[in-house]
C-alpha atoms as a PDB file:
ATOM      1  CA  UNK A   1     167.744 -31.783  37.025  1.00  0.00           C
ATOM      2  CA  UNK A   2     164.356 -31.386  38.965  1.00  0.00           C
ATOM      3  CA  UNK A   3     166.522 -32.636  42.157  1.00  0.00           C
ATOM      4  CA  UNK A   4     168.943 -29.625  41.271  1.00  0.00           C
ATOM      5  CA  UNK A   5     166.278 -27.040  41.231  1.00  0.00           C
ATOM      6  CA  UNK A   6     164.789 -28.405  44.289  1.00  0.00           C
ATOM      7  CA  UNK A   7     168.039 -28.049  46.224  1.00  0.00           C
ATOM      8  CA  UNK A   8     168.300 -24.467  44.939  1.00  0.00           C
ATOM      9  CA  UNK A   9     165.017 -23.694  46.155  1.00  0.00           C
ATOM     10  CA  UNK A  10     165.869 -25.018  49.529  1.00  0.00           C
ATOM     11  CA  UNK A  11     169.048 -22.866  49.917  1.00  0.00           C
ATOM     12  CA  UNK A  12     167.183 -19.817  48.435  1.00  0.00           C
ATOM     13  CA  UNK A  13     164.326 -19.934  50.525  1.00  0.00           C
ATOM     14  CA  UNK A  14     166.077 -18.441  53.761  1.00  0.00           C
ATOM     15  CA  UNK A  15     167.416 -15.650  51.675  1.00  0.00           C
ATOM     16  CA  UNK A  16     164.147 -14.898  50.389  1.00  0.00           C
ATOM     17  CA  UNK A  17     162.491 -15.049  53.745  1.00  0.00           C
ATOM     18  CA  UNK A  18     164.944 -12.621  55.217  1.00  0.00           C
ATOM     19  CA  UNK A  19     164.689 -10.205  52.381  1.00  0.00           C
ATOM     20  CA  UNK A  20     160.901 -10.271  52.634  1.00  0.00           C
ATOM     21  CA  UNK A  21     161.176  -9.843  56.488  1.00  0.00           C
ATOM     22  CA  UNK A  22     163.540  -6.782  56.180  1.00  0.00           C
ATOM     23  CA  UNK A  23     162.026  -5.105  53.248  1.00  0.00           C
ATOM     24  CA  UNK A  24     158.752  -6.501  52.045  1.00  0.00           C
ATOM     25  CA  UNK A  25     156.939  -6.613  55.495  1.00  0.00           C
ATOM     26  CA  UNK A  26     157.699  -3.097  56.389  1.00  0.00           C
ATOM     27  CA  UNK A  27     156.939  -1.672  52.898  1.00  0.00           C
ATOM     28  CA  UNK A  28     153.444  -3.516  53.374  1.00  0.00           C
ATOM     29  CA  UNK A  29     153.051  -2.161  56.858  1.00  0.00           C
ATOM     30  CA  UNK A  30     153.699   1.522  55.950  1.00  0.00           C
ATOM     31  CA  UNK A  31     151.575   1.486  52.899  1.00  0.00           C
ATOM     32  CA  UNK A  32     148.749  -0.064  55.187  1.00  0.00           C
ATOM     33  CA  UNK A  33     149.171   2.637  57.757  1.00  0.00           C
ATOM     34  CA  UNK A  34     149.317   5.562  55.296  1.00  0.00           C
ATOM     35  CA  UNK A  35     146.134   4.323  53.661  1.00  0.00           C
ATOM     36  CA  UNK A  36     144.499   3.877  56.920  1.00  0.00           C
ATOM     37  CA  UNK A  37     145.316   7.551  57.915  1.00  0.00           C
ATOM     38  CA  UNK A  38     144.034   8.617  54.411  1.00  0.00           C
ATOM     39  CA  UNK A  39     140.854   6.720  54.439  1.00  0.00           C
ATOM     40  CA  UNK A  40     137.649   8.858  54.271  1.00  0.00           C
ATOM     41  CA  UNK A  41     139.668  12.144  53.425  1.00  0.00           C
ATOM     42  CA  UNK A  42     137.799  13.789  50.489  1.00  0.00           C
ATOM     43  CA  UNK A  43     140.945  15.513  49.024  1.00  0.00           C
ATOM     44  CA  UNK A  44     142.863  12.305  49.210  1.00  0.00           C
ATOM     45  CA  UNK A  45     139.858  10.321  47.664  1.00  0.00           C
ATOM     46  CA  UNK A  46     139.628  12.795  44.816  1.00  0.00           C
ATOM     47  CA  UNK A  47     143.439  12.530  43.895  1.00  0.00           C
ATOM     48  CA  UNK A  48     143.903   8.888  44.821  1.00  0.00           C
ATOM     49  CA  UNK A  49     144.952   7.586  48.251  1.00  0.00           C
ATOM     50  CA  UNK A  50     146.930   4.667  46.937  1.00  0.00           C
ATOM     51  CA  UNK A  51     149.087   6.958  44.771  1.00  0.00           C
ATOM     52  CA  UNK A  52     149.454   9.466  47.756  1.00  0.00           C
ATOM     53  CA  UNK A  53     150.618   6.529  49.931  1.00  0.00           C
ATOM     54  CA  UNK A  54     153.173   5.493  47.275  1.00  0.00           C
ATOM     55  CA  UNK A  55     154.525   9.044  47.311  1.00  0.00           C
ATOM     56  CA  UNK A  56     154.942   9.289  50.910  1.00  0.00           C
ATOM     57  CA  UNK A  57     156.419   5.695  51.061  1.00  0.00           C
ATOM     58  CA  UNK A  58     158.801   6.675  48.587  1.00  0.00           C
ATOM     59  CA  UNK A  59     159.945   9.847  50.612  1.00  0.00           C
ATOM     60  CA  UNK A  60     160.320   7.661  53.796  1.00  0.00           C
ATOM     61  CA  UNK A  61     162.582   5.164  51.899  1.00  0.00           C
ATOM     62  CA  UNK A  62     164.643   7.911  50.348  1.00  0.00           C
ATOM     63  CA  UNK A  63     165.076   9.481  53.699  1.00  0.00           C
ATOM     64  CA  UNK A  64     166.437   6.003  55.141  1.00  0.00           C
ATOM     65  CA  UNK A  65     168.686   5.426  52.230  1.00  0.00           C
ATOM     66  CA  UNK A  66     169.934   8.947  51.646  1.00  0.00           C
ATOM     67  CA  UNK A  67     173.208   8.312  53.531  1.00  0.00           C
ATOM     68  CA  UNK A  68     174.083   5.959  50.694  1.00  0.00           C
ATOM     69  CA  UNK A  69     173.384   8.362  47.853  1.00  0.00           C
ATOM     70  CA  UNK A  70     175.307  11.078  50.169  1.00  0.00           C
ATOM     71  CA  UNK A  71     178.407   8.920  50.117  1.00  0.00           C
ATOM     72  CA  UNK A  72     178.084   8.182  46.466  1.00  0.00           C
ATOM     73  CA  UNK A  73     177.886  11.978  45.711  1.00  0.00           C
ATOM     74  CA  UNK A  74     180.798  12.821  47.851  1.00  0.00           C
ATOM     75  CA  UNK A  75     182.948  10.111  46.507  1.00  0.00           C
ATOM     76  CA  UNK A  76     182.216  11.060  42.930  1.00  0.00           C
ATOM     77  CA  UNK A  77     182.812  14.855  43.619  1.00  0.00           C
ATOM     78  CA  UNK A  78     186.108  13.932  45.019  1.00  0.00           C
ATOM     79  CA  UNK A  79     187.102  11.908  42.184  1.00  0.00           C
ATOM     80  CA  UNK A  80     186.059  14.700  39.634  1.00  0.00           C
ATOM     81  CA  UNK A  81     188.063  17.052  41.523  1.00  0.00           C
ATOM     82  CA  UNK A  82     191.287  15.122  41.319  1.00  0.00           C
ATOM     83  CA  UNK A  83     190.408  14.546  37.667  1.00  0.00           C
ATOM     84  CA  UNK A  84     190.357  18.236  36.974  1.00  0.00           C
ATOM     85  CA  UNK A  85     193.607  18.715  38.862  1.00  0.00           C
ATOM     86  CA  UNK A  86     195.513  16.196  36.729  1.00  0.00           C
ATOM     87  CA  UNK A  87     193.664  17.008  33.567  1.00  0.00           C
ATOM     88  CA  UNK A  88     196.854  18.822  31.892  1.00  0.00           C
ATOM     89  CA  UNK A  89     198.975  15.922  32.800  1.00  0.00           C
ATOM     90  CA  UNK A  90     196.598  13.383  31.109  1.00  0.00           C
ATOM     91  CA  UNK A  91     196.495  15.500  28.163  1.00  0.00           C
ATOM     92  CA  UNK A  92     200.104  15.335  27.775  1.00  0.00           C
ATOM     93  CA  UNK A  93     200.122  11.756  28.242  1.00  0.00           C
ATOM     94  CA  UNK A  94     197.452  11.134  25.377  1.00  0.00           C
ATOM     95  CA  UNK A  95     199.456  13.285  23.147  1.00  0.00           C
ATOM     96  CA  UNK A  96     202.649  11.553  23.739  1.00  0.00           C
ATOM     97  CA  UNK A  97     201.354   8.008  23.529  1.00  0.00           C
ATOM     98  CA  UNK A  98     198.405   8.528  20.977  1.00  0.00           C
ATOM     99  CA  UNK A  99     200.006   5.895  18.530  1.00  0.00           C
ATOM    100  CA  UNK A 100     200.651   3.428  21.357  1.00  0.00           C
ATOM    101  CA  UNK A 101     197.203   2.485  22.897  1.00  0.00           C
ATOM    102  CA  UNK A 102     198.840  -0.173  25.113  1.00  0.00           C
ATOM    103  CA  UNK A 103     201.382   2.199  26.464  1.00  0.00           C
ATOM    104  CA  UNK A 104     198.879   5.048  26.716  1.00  0.00           C
ATOM    105  CA  UNK A 105     196.599   2.934  28.775  1.00  0.00           C
ATOM    106  CA  UNK A 106     199.690   1.954  31.172  1.00  0.00           C
ATOM    107  CA  UNK A 107     200.699   5.474  31.580  1.00  0.00           C
ATOM    108  CA  UNK A 108     197.120   6.538  32.363  1.00  0.00           C
ATOM    109  CA  UNK A 109     196.637   3.981  34.930  1.00  0.00           C
ATOM    110  CA  UNK A 110     199.964   4.990  36.502  1.00  0.00           C
ATOM    111  CA  UNK A 111     198.897   8.660  36.742  1.00  0.00           C
ATOM    112  CA  UNK A 112     195.599   7.473  38.429  1.00  0.00           C
ATOM    113  CA  UNK A 113     197.450   5.343  40.754  1.00  0.00           C
ATOM    114  CA  UNK A 114     199.981   8.293  41.534  1.00  0.00           C
ATOM    115  CA  UNK A 115     197.091  10.561  42.510  1.00  0.00           C
ATOM    116  CA  UNK A 116     195.090   7.810  44.238  1.00  0.00           C
ATOM    117  CA  UNK A 117     192.177   7.955  41.499  1.00  0.00           C
ATOM    118  CA  UNK A 118     190.094   5.049  41.059  1.00  0.00           C
ATOM    119  CA  UNK A 119     188.810   5.370  37.232  1.00  0.00           C
ATOM    120  CA  UNK A 120     185.906   3.228  38.059  1.00  0.00           C
ATOM    121  CA  UNK A 121     184.676   5.313  40.869  1.00  0.00           C
ATOM    122  CA  UNK A 122     182.327   7.238  38.413  1.00  0.00           C
ATOM    123  CA  UNK A 123     180.308   3.817  38.026  1.00  0.00           C
ATOM    124  CA  UNK A 124     179.328   4.368  41.789  1.00  0.00           C
ATOM    125  CA  UNK A 125     176.491   6.269  40.319  1.00  0.00           C
ATOM    126  CA  UNK A 126     174.674   2.787  39.776  1.00  0.00           C
ATOM    127  CA  UNK A 127     174.927   2.330  43.729  1.00  0.00           C
ATOM    128  CA  UNK A 128     171.538   3.873  44.379  1.00  0.00           C
ATOM    129  CA  UNK A 129     169.866   1.825  41.645  1.00  0.00           C
ATOM    130  CA  UNK A 130     171.466  -1.207  43.015  1.00  0.00           C
ATOM    131  CA  UNK A 131     170.162  -0.433  46.581  1.00  0.00           C
ATOM    132  CA  UNK A 132     166.800   0.260  45.453  1.00  0.00           C
ATOM    133  CA  UNK A 133     166.500  -2.848  43.326  1.00  0.00           C
ATOM    134  CA  UNK A 134     165.397  -5.074  46.326  1.00  0.00           C
ATOM    135  CA  UNK A 135     162.977  -2.316  47.362  1.00  0.00           C
ATOM    136  CA  UNK A 136     161.309  -2.185  43.957  1.00  0.00           C
ATOM    137  CA  UNK A 137     160.978  -6.099  43.798  1.00  0.00           C
ATOM    138  CA  UNK A 138     159.349  -6.034  47.164  1.00  0.00           C
ATOM    139  CA  UNK A 139     156.987  -3.197  46.195  1.00  0.00           C
ATOM    140  CA  UNK A 140     156.034  -5.183  43.000  1.00  0.00           C
ATOM    141  CA  UNK A 141     154.823  -8.264  45.315  1.00  0.00           C
ATOM    142  CA  UNK A 142     153.126  -5.901  47.515  1.00  0.00           C
ATOM    143  CA  UNK A 143     151.202  -4.213  44.779  1.00  0.00           C
ATOM    144  CA  UNK A 144     150.526  -7.780  43.086  1.00  0.00           C
ATOM    145  CA  UNK A 145     148.675  -8.745  46.399  1.00  0.00           C
ATOM    146  CA  UNK A 146     147.338  -5.333  47.093  1.00  0.00           C
ATOM    147  CA  UNK A 147     143.548  -6.362  46.314  1.00  0.00           C
ATOM    148  CA  UNK A 148     143.859  -8.813  48.989  1.00  0.00           C
ATOM    149  CA  UNK A 149     145.968  -7.327  51.656  1.00  0.00           C
ATOM    150  CA  UNK A 150     145.507  -3.711  51.665  1.00  0.00           C
ATOM    151  CA  UNK A 151     142.494  -1.774  52.763  1.00  0.00           C
ATOM    152  CA  UNK A 152     141.668  -0.057  49.307  1.00  0.00           C
ATOM    153  CA  UNK A 153     139.667  -1.073  46.382  1.00  0.00           C
ATOM    154  CA  UNK A 154     140.301   1.953  43.795  1.00  0.00           C
ATOM    155  CA  UNK A 155     144.104   1.969  42.829  1.00  0.00           C
ATOM    156  CA  UNK A 156     143.740   5.039  40.682  1.00  0.00           C
ATOM    157  CA  UNK A 157     145.874   8.028  41.009  1.00  0.00           C
ATOM    158  CA  UNK A 158     145.170  11.043  38.927  1.00  0.00           C
ATOM    159  CA  UNK A 159     143.072   8.910  36.553  1.00  0.00           C
ATOM    160  CA  UNK A 160     145.950   6.352  36.388  1.00  0.00           C
ATOM    161  CA  UNK A 161     145.465   2.838  37.481  1.00  0.00           C
ATOM    162  CA  UNK A 162     148.456   2.182  39.482  1.00  0.00           C
ATOM    163  CA  UNK A 163     147.995  -1.486  39.637  1.00  0.00           C
ATOM    164  CA  UNK A 164     147.932  -1.863  35.835  1.00  0.00           C
ATOM    165  CA  UNK A 165     150.720  -1.196  33.232  1.00  0.00           C
ATOM    166  CA  UNK A 166     150.867   1.753  31.255  1.00  0.00           C
ATOM    167  CA  UNK A 167     149.486   0.138  27.998  1.00  0.00           C
ATOM    168  CA  UNK A 168     146.889  -2.098  29.757  1.00  0.00           C
ATOM    169  CA  UNK A 169     143.199  -1.639  28.258  1.00  0.00           C
ATOM    170  CA  UNK A 170     141.124   0.673  30.152  1.00  0.00           C
ATOM    171  CA  UNK A 171     143.987   3.074  31.002  1.00  0.00           C
ATOM    172  CA  UNK A 172     143.827   6.751  30.090  1.00  0.00           C
ATOM    173  CA  UNK A 173     146.968   5.829  27.889  1.00  0.00           C
ATOM    174  CA  UNK A 174     148.280   9.572  27.204  1.00  0.00           C
ATOM    175  CA  UNK A 175     148.352  10.187  30.904  1.00  0.00           C
ATOM    176  CA  UNK A 176     149.627   6.565  31.896  1.00  0.00           C
ATOM    177  CA  UNK A 177     152.452   6.826  29.602  1.00  0.00           C
ATOM    178  CA  UNK A 178     153.694  10.103  31.076  1.00  0.00           C
ATOM    179  CA  UNK A 179     154.965   8.129  34.146  1.00  0.00           C
ATOM    180  CA  UNK A 180     157.396   5.921  32.226  1.00  0.00           C
ATOM    181  CA  UNK A 181     158.561   8.885  30.202  1.00  0.00           C
ATOM    182  CA  UNK A 182     159.128  10.778  33.538  1.00  0.00           C
ATOM    183  CA  UNK A 183     160.903   7.853  34.893  1.00  0.00           C
ATOM    184  CA  UNK A 184     163.325   7.962  31.917  1.00  0.00           C
ATOM    185  CA  UNK A 185     163.773  11.620  31.676  1.00  0.00           C
ATOM    186  CA  UNK A 186     164.375  12.212  35.489  1.00  0.00           C
ATOM    187  CA  UNK A 187     166.914   9.181  35.312  1.00  0.00           C
ATOM    188  CA  UNK A 188     168.656  11.015  32.461  1.00  0.00           C
ATOM    189  CA  UNK A 189     168.744  14.394  34.389  1.00  0.00           C
ATOM    190  CA  UNK A 190     170.027  12.689  37.502  1.00  0.00           C
ATOM    191  CA  UNK A 191     172.764  10.845  35.325  1.00  0.00           C
ATOM    192  CA  UNK A 192     173.812  13.987  33.579  1.00  0.00           C
ATOM    193  CA  UNK A 193     174.061  16.038  36.853  1.00  0.00           C
ATOM    194  CA  UNK A 194     176.638  13.374  38.245  1.00  0.00           C
ATOM    195  CA  UNK A 195     179.278  14.481  35.558  1.00  0.00           C
ATOM    196  CA  UNK A 196     180.628  18.083  36.044  1.00  0.00           C
ATOM    197  CA  UNK A 197     180.657  20.200  32.800  1.00  0.00           C
ATOM    198  CA  UNK A 198     183.776  20.167  30.828  1.00  0.00           C
ATOM    199  CA  UNK A 199     185.354  17.228  32.646  1.00  0.00           C
ATOM    200  CA  UNK A 200     188.248  15.497  30.989  1.00  0.00           C
ATOM    201  CA  UNK A 201     187.783  11.768  30.788  1.00  0.00           C
ATOM    202  CA  UNK A 202     189.816   9.107  29.175  1.00  0.00           C
ATOM    203  CA  UNK A 203     188.155   7.375  26.298  1.00  0.00           C
ATOM    204  CA  UNK A 204     187.201   4.318  28.275  1.00  0.00           C
ATOM    205  CA  UNK A 205     185.548   6.315  31.066  1.00  0.00           C
ATOM    206  CA  UNK A 206     184.022   8.689  28.655  1.00  0.00           C
ATOM    207  CA  UNK A 207     182.394   5.636  26.805  1.00  0.00           C
ATOM    208  CA  UNK A 208     181.222   4.141  30.099  1.00  0.00           C
ATOM    209  CA  UNK A 209     179.762   7.540  31.105  1.00  0.00           C
ATOM    210  CA  UNK A 210     178.118   8.072  27.725  1.00  0.00           C
ATOM    211  CA  UNK A 211     176.498   4.503  27.888  1.00  0.00           C
ATOM    212  CA  UNK A 212     175.317   4.982  31.389  1.00  0.00           C
ATOM    213  CA  UNK A 213     173.656   8.482  30.308  1.00  0.00           C
ATOM    214  CA  UNK A 214     171.934   7.331  27.376  1.00  0.00           C
ATOM    215  CA  UNK A 215     171.162   3.662  28.051  1.00  0.00           C
ATOM    216  CA  UNK A 216     169.954   3.797  31.556  1.00  0.00           C
ATOM    217  CA  UNK A 217     167.002   6.171  31.029  1.00  0.00           C
ATOM    218  CA  UNK A 218     165.887   4.070  28.131  1.00  0.00           C
ATOM    219  CA  UNK A 219     166.067   1.166  30.110  1.00  0.00           C
ATOM    220  CA  UNK A 220     164.153   2.395  33.049  1.00  0.00           C
ATOM    221  CA  UNK A 221     161.439   3.887  30.865  1.00  0.00           C
ATOM    222  CA  UNK A 222     161.106   0.486  28.884  1.00  0.00           C
ATOM    223  CA  UNK A 223     160.823  -1.275  32.244  1.00  0.00           C
ATOM    224  CA  UNK A 224     158.446   1.136  33.521  1.00  0.00           C
ATOM    225  CA  UNK A 225     155.955   0.332  30.678  1.00  0.00           C
ATOM    226  CA  UNK A 226     156.073  -3.431  31.509  1.00  0.00           C
ATOM    227  CA  UNK A 227     155.111  -3.280  35.186  1.00  0.00           C
ATOM    228  CA  UNK A 228     152.414  -1.687  37.357  1.00  0.00           C
ATOM    229  CA  UNK A 229     152.283   2.115  37.043  1.00  0.00           C
ATOM    230  CA  UNK A 230     152.992   2.407  40.816  1.00  0.00           C
ATOM    231  CA  UNK A 231     156.714   1.240  40.235  1.00  0.00           C
ATOM    232  CA  UNK A 232     156.842   4.136  37.717  1.00  0.00           C
ATOM    233  CA  UNK A 233     155.366   6.480  40.186  1.00  0.00           C
ATOM    234  CA  UNK A 234     157.908   5.254  42.794  1.00  0.00           C
ATOM    235  CA  UNK A 235     160.789   5.685  40.544  1.00  0.00           C
ATOM    236  CA  UNK A 236     159.818   9.336  39.525  1.00  0.00           C
ATOM    237  CA  UNK A 237     159.331  10.465  43.037  1.00  0.00           C
ATOM    238  CA  UNK A 238     162.644   8.741  44.152  1.00  0.00           C
ATOM    239  CA  UNK A 239     164.466  10.329  41.160  1.00  0.00           C
ATOM    240  CA  UNK A 240     163.062  13.835  42.101  1.00  0.00           C
ATOM    241  CA  UNK A 241     164.123  13.392  45.549  1.00  0.00           C
ATOM    242  CA  UNK A 242     167.599  12.376  44.498  1.00  0.00           C
ATOM    243  CA  UNK A 243     167.915  15.420  42.002  1.00  0.00           C
ATOM    244  CA  UNK A 244     166.979  17.857  44.678  1.00  0.00           C
ATOM    245  CA  UNK A 245     169.755  16.150  47.066  1.00  0.00           C
ATOM    246  CA  UNK A 246     172.143  16.220  44.399  1.00  0.00           C
ATOM    247  CA  UNK A 247     171.606  19.845  43.312  1.00  0.00           C
ATOM    248  CA  UNK A 248     172.438  21.266  46.749  1.00  0.00           C
ATOM    249  CA  UNK A 249     175.545  19.147  46.855  1.00  0.00           C
ATOM    250  CA  UNK A 250     177.259  19.277  43.509  1.00  0.00           C
ATOM    251  CA  UNK A 251     174.941  21.525  41.367  1.00  0.00           C
ATOM    252  CA  UNK A 252     173.555  20.825  37.827  1.00  0.00           C
ATOM    253  CA  UNK A 253     176.739  19.085  36.600  1.00  0.00           C
ATOM    254  CA  UNK A 254     176.891  18.889  32.753  1.00  0.00           C
ATOM    255  CA  UNK A 255     173.177  19.399  32.567  1.00  0.00           C
ATOM    256  CA  UNK A 256     173.626  23.034  32.065  1.00  0.00           C
ATOM    257  CA  UNK A 257     176.567  25.193  30.456  1.00  0.00           C
ATOM    258  CA  UNK A 258     179.378  26.107  33.233  1.00  0.00           C
ATOM    259  CA  UNK A 259     178.258  29.778  33.229  1.00  0.00           C
ATOM    260  CA  UNK A 260     174.745  28.771  34.096  1.00  0.00           C
ATOM    261  CA  UNK A 261     175.504  25.798  36.547  1.00  0.00           C
ATOM    262  CA  UNK A 262     175.332  26.219  39.987  1.00  0.00           C
ATOM    263  CA  UNK A 263     177.954  23.595  40.724  1.00  0.00           C
ATOM    264  CA  UNK A 264     180.169  24.302  43.898  1.00  0.00           C
ATOM    265  CA  UNK A 265     183.931  24.375  43.601  1.00  0.00           C
ATOM    266  CA  UNK A 266     185.429  21.319  44.910  1.00  0.00           C
END
């Protein structure tokens, strides 16, 4: 068994090295450069240079990966427009075969195929999270070694120790918990914005959408409590950037009533 894990480690090492070279090293270099610029600045020192560096790093990362998010939004918007167009036909199919679930599923899939709709396309909303996963892992390792590798000794940001978890002793708990709460809340807002108001969905797709809308924010909030607060700060700023980008492309989605939403017509 030990030989097996040893072999896995040998195979995994080049992948890890490539990942760290492409993602980890640049993240460390950018953080170090920003901290060098902020060093000695009275305003930055009063707010927390490490937190400011995390915010600026997040913006840089979001600008780099924004084409991925843009693709996800345009794809989702196209699918939603097609679904609105076939909504009357879909309702008729459901009414006709409501007592025959198997036939209902077949006819629904046939209708989707006829109009070139991928019913799983809405799950592309997970794409930005998947893209950011390697970045979050790299940031975790950078933060863990920050005391030794970054030119900074105070990791506080607005009173929050970013190198500690939210519930770690010594934190100003009320303020520290705010970041995980904001991480979950902004995730919920972003997810709701991905679904246009009044969209007609088949039961399977509606269940997937509901699960993603409710479970994902809770999961993100829980994870944010378990790791250094700097990761929660990254996630909050990242979500706020994405919310702004998404608002100007698709509007508020199902976050607001149709009469108040600013969603653009497809």
